[in-house]
Amino acid sequence: MVTSNLPFGRWGETFSDDVVAAAMIDRLVHHAEVLTLTGDSYRTRQRRDLLAKDNRVTSN
């Protein structure tokens, strides 16, 4: 299992080479099922809720 928060089109930024990233993606997805999840992650949602709670406490 491989997970990433970046779309395939941006993998070249991570690996500093679009050709290498394209080759890796090609090999990974050849016999794979790709699942695309949308929406906030649990960590993002928890962090946002925590910051909102902190803001309410400090503003009182």
C-alpha atoms as a PDB file:
ATOM      1  CA  MET A   1       0.000   0.000   0.000  1.00  0.00           C
ATOM      2  CA  VAL A   2       1.268   3.432  -0.932  1.00  0.00           C
ATOM      3  CA  THR A   3      -0.418   6.609   0.261  1.00  0.00           C
ATOM      4  CA  SER A   4       0.141  10.205  -0.686  1.00  0.00           C
ATOM      5  CA  ASN A   5      -1.599  13.501  -0.218  1.00  0.00           C
ATOM      6  CA  LEU A   6      -0.259  14.674  -3.596  1.00  0.00           C
ATOM      7  CA  PRO A   7      -1.869  13.930  -6.947  1.00  0.00           C
ATOM      8  CA  PHE A   8       0.319  12.009  -9.396  1.00  0.00           C
ATOM      9  CA  GLY A   9       0.932  15.195 -11.379  1.00  0.00           C
ATOM     10  CA  ARG A  10       2.872  16.674  -8.456  1.00  0.00           C
ATOM     11  CA  TRP A  11       5.066  13.664  -7.627  1.00  0.00           C
ATOM     12  CA  GLY A  12       7.874  15.170  -9.719  1.00  0.00           C
ATOM     13  CA  GLU A  13       8.173  17.941  -7.112  1.00  0.00           C
ATOM     14  CA  THR A  14       8.833  15.376  -4.391  1.00  0.00           C
ATOM     15  CA  PHE A  15      11.340  13.318  -6.341  1.00  0.00           C
ATOM     16  CA  SER A  16      12.913  16.332  -8.109  1.00  0.00           C
ATOM     17  CA  ASP A  17      12.492  14.626 -11.468  1.00  0.00           C
ATOM     18  CA  ASP A  18       9.286  14.283 -13.490  1.00  0.00           C
ATOM     19  CA  VAL A  19      10.674  11.381 -15.538  1.00  0.00           C
ATOM     20  CA  VAL A  20      11.585   9.344 -12.451  1.00  0.00           C
ATOM     21  CA  ALA A  21       8.221  10.129 -10.856  1.00  0.00           C
ATOM     22  CA  ALA A  22       6.372   9.065 -14.034  1.00  0.00           C
ATOM     23  CA  ALA A  23       8.322   5.785 -14.146  1.00  0.00           C
ATOM     24  CA  MET A  24       7.514   5.051 -10.496  1.00  0.00           C
ATOM     25  CA  ILE A  25       3.839   5.848 -10.977  1.00  0.00           C
ATOM     26  CA  ASP A  26       3.718   3.641 -14.082  1.00  0.00           C
ATOM     27  CA  ARG A  27       5.141   0.692 -12.168  1.00  0.00           C
ATOM     28  CA  LEU A  28       2.958   1.266  -9.120  1.00  0.00           C
ATOM     29  CA  VAL A  29      -0.359   1.499 -10.938  1.00  0.00           C
ATOM     30  CA  HIS A  30       0.254  -1.192 -13.573  1.00  0.00           C
ATOM     31  CA  HIS A  31      -1.663  -3.847 -11.596  1.00  0.00           C
ATOM     32  CA  ALA A  32      -3.016  -1.651  -8.825  1.00  0.00           C
ATOM     33  CA  GLU A  33      -6.327  -0.212  -7.862  1.00  0.00           C
ATOM     34  CA  VAL A  34      -6.105   3.512  -7.245  1.00  0.00           C
ATOM     35  CA  LEU A  35      -8.471   4.938  -4.637  1.00  0.00           C
ATOM     36  CA  THR A  36      -8.952   8.669  -4.506  1.00  0.00           C
ATOM     37  CA  LEU A  37     -10.359  10.012  -1.261  1.00  0.00           C
ATOM     38  CA  THR A  38     -11.749  13.507  -0.991  1.00  0.00           C
ATOM     39  CA  GLY A  39     -12.479  15.686   1.991  1.00  0.00           C
ATOM     40  CA  ASP A  40     -10.558  16.561   5.114  1.00  0.00           C
ATOM     41  CA  SER A  41      -8.446  13.942   6.806  1.00  0.00           C
ATOM     42  CA  TYR A  42      -9.157  13.148  10.427  1.00  0.00           C
ATOM     43  CA  ARG A  43      -5.918  14.883  11.425  1.00  0.00           C
ATOM     44  CA  THR A  44      -6.861  18.045   9.517  1.00  0.00           C
ATOM     45  CA  ARG A  45     -10.325  18.094  11.046  1.00  0.00           C
ATOM     46  CA  GLN A  46      -9.009  17.459  14.583  1.00  0.00           C
ATOM     47  CA  ARG A  47      -6.379  20.190  14.225  1.00  0.00           C
ATOM     48  CA  ARG A  48      -8.957  22.704  12.968  1.00  0.00           C
ATOM     49  CA  ASP A  49     -11.316  21.831  15.858  1.00  0.00           C
ATOM     50  CA  LEU A  50      -8.466  22.129  18.382  1.00  0.00           C
ATOM     51  CA  LEU A  51      -7.451  25.553  17.038  1.00  0.00           C
ATOM     52  CA  ALA A  52     -11.054  26.752  17.137  1.00  0.00           C
ATOM     53  CA  LYS A  53     -11.339  25.556  20.750  1.00  0.00           C
ATOM     54  CA  ASP A  54      -8.093  27.340  21.698  1.00  0.00           C
ATOM     55  CA  ASN A  55      -9.312  30.542  20.054  1.00  0.00           C
ATOM     56  CA  ARG A  56     -12.571  30.426  22.042  1.00  0.00           C
ATOM     57  CA  VAL A  57     -10.671  29.893  25.312  1.00  0.00           C
ATOM     58  CA  THR A  58      -8.150  32.710  24.733  1.00  0.00           C
ATOM     59  CA  SER A  59     -10.782  35.202  23.574  1.00  0.00           C
ATOM     60  CA  ASN A  60     -12.767  34.896  26.832  1.00  0.00           C
END
